[in-house]
């Protein structure tokens, strides 16, 4: 399954990079985050409460930054496991300077196995889209709060 999108914010590329490359900054926006362990700048573990249809429970994701070209491009890989299912995600983010700030273009390819793979791509895509929108809406709010407080 493939997912992609764009995110625009009125902030400099360097600020967007620093925010997105530090999972502690994004923790308040990660839907249903139960635990975050940051091991080093390129490796962290996140445990989230997740569910699609009848499959509900905690998923533990081991995330690594496998490539980065600061402040314009990063590639991350995540392996998640939980309740009879597993997911591998390979994602890339590209930051582009714009006249109004920064545009992020992102894409992710997810491979599912186990019970989760049997649920059906429509349900999974719908749930994933909802969580992505929730995440980026929260992140946009973080940047707006930072801009308001710097005035």
N, C-alpha and C. Protein backbone atom coordinates (compact mmCIF):
# COMPACT_ATOMS: atom_id res chain seq x y z
N UNK A 1 0.83 -1.17 0.00
CA UNK A 1 0.00 0.00 0.00
C UNK A 1 0.89 1.24 0.00
N UNK A 2 0.45 2.24 -0.78
CA UNK A 2 1.23 3.47 -0.84
C UNK A 2 0.40 4.65 -0.37
N UNK A 3 1.05 5.55 0.34
CA UNK A 3 0.44 6.77 0.83
C UNK A 3 1.35 7.92 0.46
N UNK A 4 0.76 9.09 0.19
CA UNK A 4 1.57 10.26 -0.10
C UNK A 4 0.77 11.51 0.19
N UNK A 5 1.49 12.62 0.34
CA UNK A 5 0.80 13.87 0.59
C UNK A 5 1.77 15.02 0.65
N UNK A 6 1.20 16.19 0.89
CA UNK A 6 2.00 17.40 1.07
C UNK A 6 1.53 18.11 2.33
N UNK A 7 2.43 18.89 2.87
CA UNK A 7 2.17 19.64 4.09
C UNK A 7 2.89 20.97 3.93
N UNK A 8 2.17 22.07 4.10
CA UNK A 8 2.78 23.38 3.95
C UNK A 8 2.63 24.16 5.25
N UNK A 9 3.68 24.89 5.58
CA UNK A 9 3.67 25.69 6.80
C UNK A 9 4.51 26.94 6.57
N UNK A 10 4.13 28.03 7.23
CA UNK A 10 4.87 29.28 7.11
C UNK A 10 6.00 29.28 8.14
N UNK A 11 7.03 28.51 7.83
CA UNK A 11 8.22 28.42 8.69
C UNK A 11 9.40 28.07 7.80
N UNK A 12 10.61 28.49 8.20
CA UNK A 12 11.80 28.19 7.40
C UNK A 12 12.08 26.68 7.35
N UNK A 13 12.69 26.27 6.25
CA UNK A 13 13.01 24.85 6.04
C UNK A 13 13.79 24.29 7.23
N UNK A 14 14.76 25.02 7.75
CA UNK A 14 15.59 24.52 8.85
C UNK A 14 14.76 24.24 10.09
N UNK A 15 13.79 25.11 10.38
CA UNK A 15 12.93 24.91 11.54
C UNK A 15 12.03 23.69 11.35
N UNK A 16 11.50 23.52 10.14
CA UNK A 16 10.65 22.36 9.85
C UNK A 16 11.48 21.09 9.97
N UNK A 17 12.69 21.11 9.43
CA UNK A 17 13.58 19.95 9.52
C UNK A 17 13.83 19.59 10.98
N UNK A 18 14.24 20.58 11.78
CA UNK A 18 14.56 20.32 13.18
C UNK A 18 13.35 19.78 13.94
N UNK A 19 12.18 20.28 13.63
CA UNK A 19 10.96 19.79 14.29
C UNK A 19 10.68 18.35 13.91
N UNK A 20 10.71 18.06 12.62
CA UNK A 20 10.35 16.72 12.16
C UNK A 20 11.42 15.67 12.44
N UNK A 21 12.65 16.07 12.55
CA UNK A 21 13.70 15.08 12.77
C UNK A 21 13.93 14.76 14.25
N UNK A 22 13.17 15.38 15.13
CA UNK A 22 13.25 15.07 16.55
C UNK A 22 11.89 14.53 17.00
N UNK A 23 11.79 13.21 17.20
CA UNK A 23 10.49 12.64 17.55
C UNK A 23 9.89 13.20 18.83
N UNK A 24 10.73 13.70 19.73
CA UNK A 24 10.18 14.30 20.96
C UNK A 24 9.32 15.53 20.64
N UNK A 25 9.70 16.27 19.61
CA UNK A 25 8.91 17.43 19.20
C UNK A 25 7.53 17.01 18.69
N UNK A 26 7.47 15.85 18.04
CA UNK A 26 6.24 15.40 17.41
C UNK A 26 5.38 14.52 18.31
N UNK A 27 5.92 14.10 19.43
CA UNK A 27 5.20 13.18 20.32
C UNK A 27 3.78 13.65 20.66
N UNK A 28 3.58 14.95 20.96
CA UNK A 28 2.21 15.37 21.29
C UNK A 28 1.23 15.20 20.13
N UNK A 29 1.74 15.07 18.93
CA UNK A 29 0.88 14.95 17.75
C UNK A 29 0.72 13.52 17.25
N UNK A 30 1.46 12.59 17.80
CA UNK A 30 1.36 11.20 17.35
C UNK A 30 0.09 10.59 17.92
N UNK A 31 -0.87 10.25 17.05
CA UNK A 31 -2.15 9.72 17.53
C UNK A 31 -1.97 8.46 18.38
N UNK A 32 -2.59 8.48 19.53
CA UNK A 32 -2.64 7.32 20.44
C UNK A 32 -1.27 6.81 20.87
N UNK A 33 -0.31 7.73 20.98
CA UNK A 33 1.03 7.36 21.44
C UNK A 33 0.98 6.93 22.91
N UNK A 34 1.54 5.77 23.19
CA UNK A 34 1.60 5.24 24.54
C UNK A 34 2.99 5.39 25.15
N UNK A 35 4.02 5.27 24.31
CA UNK A 35 5.40 5.30 24.79
C UNK A 35 6.31 5.76 23.66
N UNK A 36 7.30 6.59 24.00
CA UNK A 36 8.31 7.01 23.04
C UNK A 36 9.66 6.87 23.70
N UNK A 37 10.55 6.12 23.08
CA UNK A 37 11.92 5.96 23.54
C UNK A 37 12.85 6.39 22.41
N UNK A 38 13.60 7.46 22.64
CA UNK A 38 14.55 7.94 21.65
C UNK A 38 15.92 7.44 22.05
N UNK A 39 16.52 6.62 21.20
CA UNK A 39 17.82 6.02 21.50
C UNK A 39 18.97 6.91 21.06
N UNK A 40 18.82 7.55 19.92
CA UNK A 40 19.83 8.45 19.38
C UNK A 40 19.15 9.25 18.27
N UNK A 41 19.83 10.19 17.63
CA UNK A 41 19.17 11.03 16.62
C UNK A 41 18.60 10.28 15.41
N UNK A 42 18.98 9.02 15.23
CA UNK A 42 18.49 8.30 14.06
C UNK A 42 17.70 7.04 14.41
N UNK A 43 17.34 6.85 15.66
CA UNK A 43 16.66 5.62 16.05
C UNK A 43 15.75 5.87 17.24
N UNK A 44 14.48 5.48 17.09
CA UNK A 44 13.56 5.57 18.21
C UNK A 44 12.52 4.47 18.14
N UNK A 45 11.84 4.28 19.24
CA UNK A 45 10.78 3.28 19.35
C UNK A 45 9.51 3.99 19.81
N UNK A 46 8.41 3.70 19.15
CA UNK A 46 7.12 4.26 19.53
C UNK A 46 6.12 3.13 19.70
N UNK A 47 5.37 3.19 20.78
CA UNK A 47 4.29 2.23 21.02
C UNK A 47 2.99 3.02 20.92
N UNK A 48 2.11 2.57 20.03
CA UNK A 48 0.84 3.25 19.83
C UNK A 48 -0.32 2.28 20.01
N UNK A 49 -1.41 2.83 20.46
CA UNK A 49 -2.65 2.06 20.53
C UNK A 49 -3.29 2.21 19.17
N UNK A 50 -3.56 1.10 18.51
CA UNK A 50 -4.07 1.17 17.15
C UNK A 50 -5.17 0.15 16.95
N UNK A 51 -5.95 0.39 15.93
CA UNK A 51 -6.98 -0.57 15.62
C UNK A 51 -7.62 -0.28 14.28
N UNK A 52 -7.93 -1.36 13.60
CA UNK A 52 -8.68 -1.32 12.36
C UNK A 52 -9.68 -2.47 12.45
N UNK A 53 -10.94 -2.14 12.30
CA UNK A 53 -12.01 -3.13 12.38
C UNK A 53 -11.93 -3.85 13.73
N UNK A 54 -11.86 -5.17 13.70
CA UNK A 54 -11.84 -5.95 14.95
C UNK A 54 -10.44 -6.13 15.52
N UNK A 55 -9.42 -5.66 14.83
CA UNK A 55 -8.04 -5.82 15.29
C UNK A 55 -7.65 -4.57 16.07
N UNK A 56 -7.50 -4.72 17.36
CA UNK A 56 -7.16 -3.60 18.23
C UNK A 56 -6.07 -4.04 19.19
N UNK A 57 -5.22 -3.09 19.55
CA UNK A 57 -4.16 -3.40 20.50
C UNK A 57 -3.02 -2.43 20.35
N UNK A 58 -1.92 -2.78 20.97
CA UNK A 58 -0.73 -1.93 20.90
C UNK A 58 0.21 -2.44 19.81
N UNK A 59 0.77 -1.48 19.10
CA UNK A 59 1.78 -1.79 18.09
C UNK A 59 3.06 -1.09 18.50
N UNK A 60 4.15 -1.81 18.45
CA UNK A 60 5.46 -1.27 18.77
C UNK A 60 6.23 -1.08 17.47
N UNK A 61 6.65 0.16 17.21
CA UNK A 61 7.38 0.50 15.98
C UNK A 61 8.82 0.84 16.30
N UNK A 62 9.74 0.19 15.64
CA UNK A 62 11.16 0.51 15.70
C UNK A 62 11.45 1.34 14.46
N UNK A 63 11.84 2.60 14.64
CA UNK A 63 12.01 3.54 13.53
C UNK A 63 13.47 3.96 13.42
N UNK A 64 13.98 3.94 12.19
CA UNK A 64 15.36 4.36 11.92
C UNK A 64 15.38 5.35 10.77
N UNK A 65 16.20 6.37 10.92
CA UNK A 65 16.50 7.28 9.81
C UNK A 65 17.63 6.61 9.05
N UNK A 66 17.38 6.21 7.83
CA UNK A 66 18.38 5.45 7.08
C UNK A 66 19.15 6.32 6.08
N UNK A 67 18.59 7.47 5.72
CA UNK A 67 19.28 8.42 4.84
C UNK A 67 18.83 9.82 5.23
N UNK A 68 19.75 10.78 5.18
CA UNK A 68 19.34 12.16 5.37
C UNK A 68 20.30 13.12 4.67
N UNK A 69 19.70 14.13 4.09
CA UNK A 69 20.43 15.21 3.44
C UNK A 69 19.86 16.50 4.04
N UNK A 70 20.42 16.89 5.16
CA UNK A 70 19.91 18.03 5.92
C UNK A 70 19.99 19.31 5.10
N UNK A 71 19.02 20.13 5.05
CA UNK A 71 17.67 20.05 5.59
C UNK A 71 16.62 19.78 4.53
N UNK A 72 16.91 18.95 3.54
CA UNK A 72 15.96 18.81 2.43
C UNK A 72 15.36 17.43 2.24
N UNK A 73 16.01 16.37 2.72
CA UNK A 73 15.50 15.03 2.42
C UNK A 73 15.88 14.05 3.50
N UNK A 74 14.92 13.18 3.85
CA UNK A 74 15.20 12.09 4.78
C UNK A 74 14.38 10.87 4.37
N UNK A 75 14.95 9.72 4.64
CA UNK A 75 14.26 8.45 4.41
C UNK A 75 14.26 7.69 5.73
N UNK A 76 13.09 7.22 6.11
CA UNK A 76 12.93 6.49 7.37
C UNK A 76 12.33 5.12 7.09
N UNK A 77 12.71 4.16 7.90
CA UNK A 77 12.12 2.83 7.84
C UNK A 77 11.61 2.48 9.22
N UNK A 78 10.43 1.87 9.24
CA UNK A 78 9.82 1.46 10.51
C UNK A 78 9.34 0.03 10.39
N UNK A 79 9.55 -0.71 11.47
CA UNK A 79 9.03 -2.06 11.58
C UNK A 79 8.13 -2.10 12.80
N UNK A 80 6.88 -2.47 12.57
CA UNK A 80 5.93 -2.52 13.67
C UNK A 80 5.38 -3.91 13.87
N UNK A 81 5.13 -4.24 15.15
CA UNK A 81 4.57 -5.54 15.49
C UNK A 81 3.50 -5.36 16.54
N UNK A 82 2.48 -6.17 16.41
CA UNK A 82 1.42 -6.16 17.41
C UNK A 82 0.35 -7.17 17.09
N UNK A 83 -0.18 -7.76 18.08
CA UNK A 83 -1.32 -8.68 18.05
C UNK A 83 -1.54 -9.43 16.74
N UNK A 84 -0.62 -10.31 16.42
CA UNK A 84 -0.77 -11.17 15.25
C UNK A 84 -0.55 -10.48 13.92
N UNK A 85 0.01 -9.30 13.93
CA UNK A 85 0.23 -8.56 12.70
C UNK A 85 1.59 -7.86 12.74
N UNK A 86 2.07 -7.54 11.56
CA UNK A 86 3.32 -6.79 11.45
C UNK A 86 3.19 -5.86 10.25
N UNK A 87 3.94 -4.77 10.32
CA UNK A 87 3.94 -3.80 9.23
C UNK A 87 5.36 -3.27 9.05
N UNK A 88 5.78 -3.16 7.81
CA UNK A 88 7.05 -2.53 7.45
C UNK A 88 6.70 -1.28 6.65
N UNK A 89 7.29 -0.16 7.03
CA UNK A 89 7.02 1.10 6.35
C UNK A 89 8.33 1.71 5.90
N UNK A 90 8.38 2.12 4.66
CA UNK A 90 9.53 2.84 4.10
C UNK A 90 9.00 4.19 3.64
N UNK A 91 9.49 5.27 4.24
CA UNK A 91 8.95 6.59 3.91
C UNK A 91 10.06 7.58 3.59
N UNK A 92 9.71 8.57 2.79
CA UNK A 92 10.63 9.62 2.40
C UNK A 92 9.94 10.96 2.56
N UNK A 93 10.67 11.93 3.09
CA UNK A 93 10.18 13.30 3.17
C UNK A 93 11.16 14.21 2.44
N UNK A 94 10.60 15.16 1.71
CA UNK A 94 11.40 16.15 0.99
C UNK A 94 10.86 17.52 1.37
N UNK A 95 11.75 18.40 1.81
CA UNK A 95 11.37 19.77 2.18
C UNK A 95 11.79 20.73 1.07
N UNK A 96 10.87 21.62 0.71
CA UNK A 96 11.10 22.57 -0.38
C UNK A 96 10.82 23.97 0.14
N UNK A 97 11.81 24.88 -0.04
CA UNK A 97 11.59 26.28 0.32
C UNK A 97 10.56 26.88 -0.62
N UNK A 98 9.65 27.64 -0.04
CA UNK A 98 8.65 28.35 -0.84
C UNK A 98 8.66 29.82 -0.43
N UNK A 99 7.96 30.63 -1.18
CA UNK A 99 7.89 32.06 -0.85
C UNK A 99 7.24 32.28 0.51
N UNK A 100 6.37 31.36 0.93
CA UNK A 100 5.65 31.51 2.21
C UNK A 100 6.21 30.66 3.33
N UNK A 101 7.26 29.89 3.06
CA UNK A 101 7.83 29.04 4.11
C UNK A 101 8.37 27.74 3.58
N UNK A 102 7.69 26.63 3.93
CA UNK A 102 8.19 25.31 3.56
C UNK A 102 7.04 24.42 3.13
N UNK A 103 7.30 23.64 2.09
CA UNK A 103 6.37 22.59 1.69
C UNK A 103 7.08 21.26 1.91
N UNK A 104 6.38 20.34 2.53
CA UNK A 104 6.91 18.98 2.71
C UNK A 104 6.13 18.06 1.78
N UNK A 105 6.86 17.29 1.01
CA UNK A 105 6.25 16.22 0.21
C UNK A 105 6.69 14.91 0.84
N UNK A 106 5.75 14.05 1.12
CA UNK A 106 6.07 12.80 1.77
C UNK A 106 5.38 11.64 1.06
N UNK A 107 6.01 10.49 1.14
CA UNK A 107 5.38 9.27 0.65
C UNK A 107 5.81 8.13 1.55
N UNK A 108 4.95 7.14 1.63
CA UNK A 108 5.23 5.96 2.46
C UNK A 108 4.67 4.73 1.77
N UNK A 109 5.45 3.69 1.83
CA UNK A 109 5.01 2.38 1.32
C UNK A 109 4.93 1.45 2.52
N UNK A 110 3.76 0.86 2.72
CA UNK A 110 3.55 -0.03 3.86
C UNK A 110 3.27 -1.45 3.36
N UNK A 111 3.91 -2.41 4.00
CA UNK A 111 3.69 -3.82 3.72
C UNK A 111 3.16 -4.47 4.98
N UNK A 112 1.98 -5.06 4.88
CA UNK A 112 1.30 -5.64 6.03
C UNK A 112 1.30 -7.16 5.95
N UNK A 113 1.44 -7.79 7.10
CA UNK A 113 1.31 -9.25 7.19
C UNK A 113 0.49 -9.60 8.43
N UNK A 114 -0.10 -10.78 8.38
CA UNK A 114 -0.87 -11.24 9.53
C UNK A 114 -2.33 -10.79 9.46
N UNK A 115 -2.97 -10.73 10.61
CA UNK A 115 -4.39 -10.38 10.68
C UNK A 115 -4.69 -9.04 10.03
N UNK A 116 -3.81 -8.10 10.22
CA UNK A 116 -4.02 -6.76 9.66
C UNK A 116 -4.11 -6.80 8.14
N UNK A 117 -3.31 -7.64 7.52
CA UNK A 117 -3.32 -7.74 6.05
C UNK A 117 -4.64 -8.30 5.54
N UNK A 118 -5.34 -9.05 6.38
CA UNK A 118 -6.60 -9.66 5.96
C UNK A 118 -7.81 -8.74 6.12
N UNK A 119 -7.65 -7.60 6.77
CA UNK A 119 -8.77 -6.70 7.02
C UNK A 119 -9.28 -6.06 5.74
N UNK A 120 -8.40 -5.73 4.86
CA UNK A 120 -8.80 -5.08 3.61
C UNK A 120 -8.19 -3.70 3.50
N UNK A 121 -7.70 -3.42 2.31
CA UNK A 121 -6.97 -2.18 2.10
C UNK A 121 -7.85 -0.95 2.27
N UNK A 122 -9.13 -1.03 1.93
CA UNK A 122 -10.00 0.15 2.07
C UNK A 122 -10.11 0.60 3.52
N UNK A 123 -10.33 -0.35 4.42
CA UNK A 123 -10.43 -0.01 5.84
C UNK A 123 -9.12 0.55 6.36
N UNK A 124 -8.02 -0.07 5.97
CA UNK A 124 -6.71 0.37 6.44
C UNK A 124 -6.39 1.76 5.89
N UNK A 125 -6.64 1.97 4.61
CA UNK A 125 -6.36 3.27 4.01
C UNK A 125 -7.20 4.37 4.65
N UNK A 126 -8.45 4.09 4.92
CA UNK A 126 -9.33 5.07 5.56
C UNK A 126 -8.83 5.43 6.95
N UNK A 127 -8.46 4.43 7.74
CA UNK A 127 -7.94 4.67 9.08
C UNK A 127 -6.63 5.42 9.04
N UNK A 128 -5.74 5.00 8.14
CA UNK A 128 -4.43 5.66 8.01
C UNK A 128 -4.61 7.11 7.60
N UNK A 129 -5.50 7.38 6.66
CA UNK A 129 -5.72 8.75 6.21
C UNK A 129 -6.22 9.62 7.36
N UNK A 130 -7.11 9.10 8.15
CA UNK A 130 -7.64 9.84 9.30
C UNK A 130 -6.51 10.19 10.28
N UNK A 131 -5.65 9.22 10.57
CA UNK A 131 -4.55 9.45 11.51
C UNK A 131 -3.53 10.43 10.95
N UNK A 132 -3.26 10.36 9.65
CA UNK A 132 -2.31 11.28 9.01
C UNK A 132 -2.86 12.70 9.08
N UNK A 133 -4.13 12.88 8.77
CA UNK A 133 -4.74 14.21 8.84
C UNK A 133 -4.70 14.76 10.26
N UNK A 134 -4.98 13.90 11.23
CA UNK A 134 -4.93 14.31 12.64
C UNK A 134 -3.51 14.74 13.02
N UNK A 135 -2.52 13.96 12.60
CA UNK A 135 -1.12 14.27 12.90
C UNK A 135 -0.70 15.61 12.31
N UNK A 136 -0.91 15.80 10.99
CA UNK A 136 -0.45 17.03 10.35
C UNK A 136 -1.25 18.25 10.83
N UNK A 137 -2.51 18.07 11.16
CA UNK A 137 -3.28 19.17 11.74
C UNK A 137 -2.68 19.63 13.05
N UNK A 138 -2.30 18.69 13.88
CA UNK A 138 -1.66 19.00 15.16
C UNK A 138 -0.30 19.68 14.94
N UNK A 139 0.50 19.16 14.02
CA UNK A 139 1.82 19.73 13.75
C UNK A 139 1.68 21.16 13.24
N UNK A 140 0.74 21.39 12.36
CA UNK A 140 0.52 22.75 11.87
C UNK A 140 0.21 23.68 13.05
N UNK A 141 -0.58 23.19 14.00
CA UNK A 141 -0.88 23.95 15.20
C UNK A 141 0.36 24.25 16.02
N UNK A 142 1.30 23.31 16.08
CA UNK A 142 2.55 23.56 16.80
C UNK A 142 3.33 24.72 16.18
N UNK A 143 3.39 24.76 14.86
CA UNK A 143 4.11 25.84 14.20
C UNK A 143 3.39 27.17 14.40
N UNK A 144 2.07 27.16 14.35
CA UNK A 144 1.30 28.39 14.55
C UNK A 144 1.49 28.91 15.96
N UNK A 145 1.52 28.02 16.95
CA UNK A 145 1.74 28.45 18.33
C UNK A 145 3.13 29.07 18.49
N UNK A 146 4.12 28.47 17.86
CA UNK A 146 5.48 28.97 17.94
C UNK A 146 5.57 30.35 17.30
N UNK A 147 4.91 30.52 16.15
CA UNK A 147 4.94 31.83 15.48
C UNK A 147 4.24 32.88 16.32
N UNK A 148 3.08 32.52 16.93
CA UNK A 148 2.36 33.47 17.76
C UNK A 148 3.16 33.90 18.97
N UNK A 149 3.89 32.95 19.57
CA UNK A 149 4.65 33.27 20.79
C UNK A 149 5.93 34.06 20.50
N UNK A 150 6.37 34.04 19.24
CA UNK A 150 7.59 34.79 18.90
C UNK A 150 7.29 36.22 18.50
N UNK A 151 6.00 36.57 18.36
CA UNK A 151 5.62 37.95 18.02
C UNK A 151 5.80 38.89 19.18
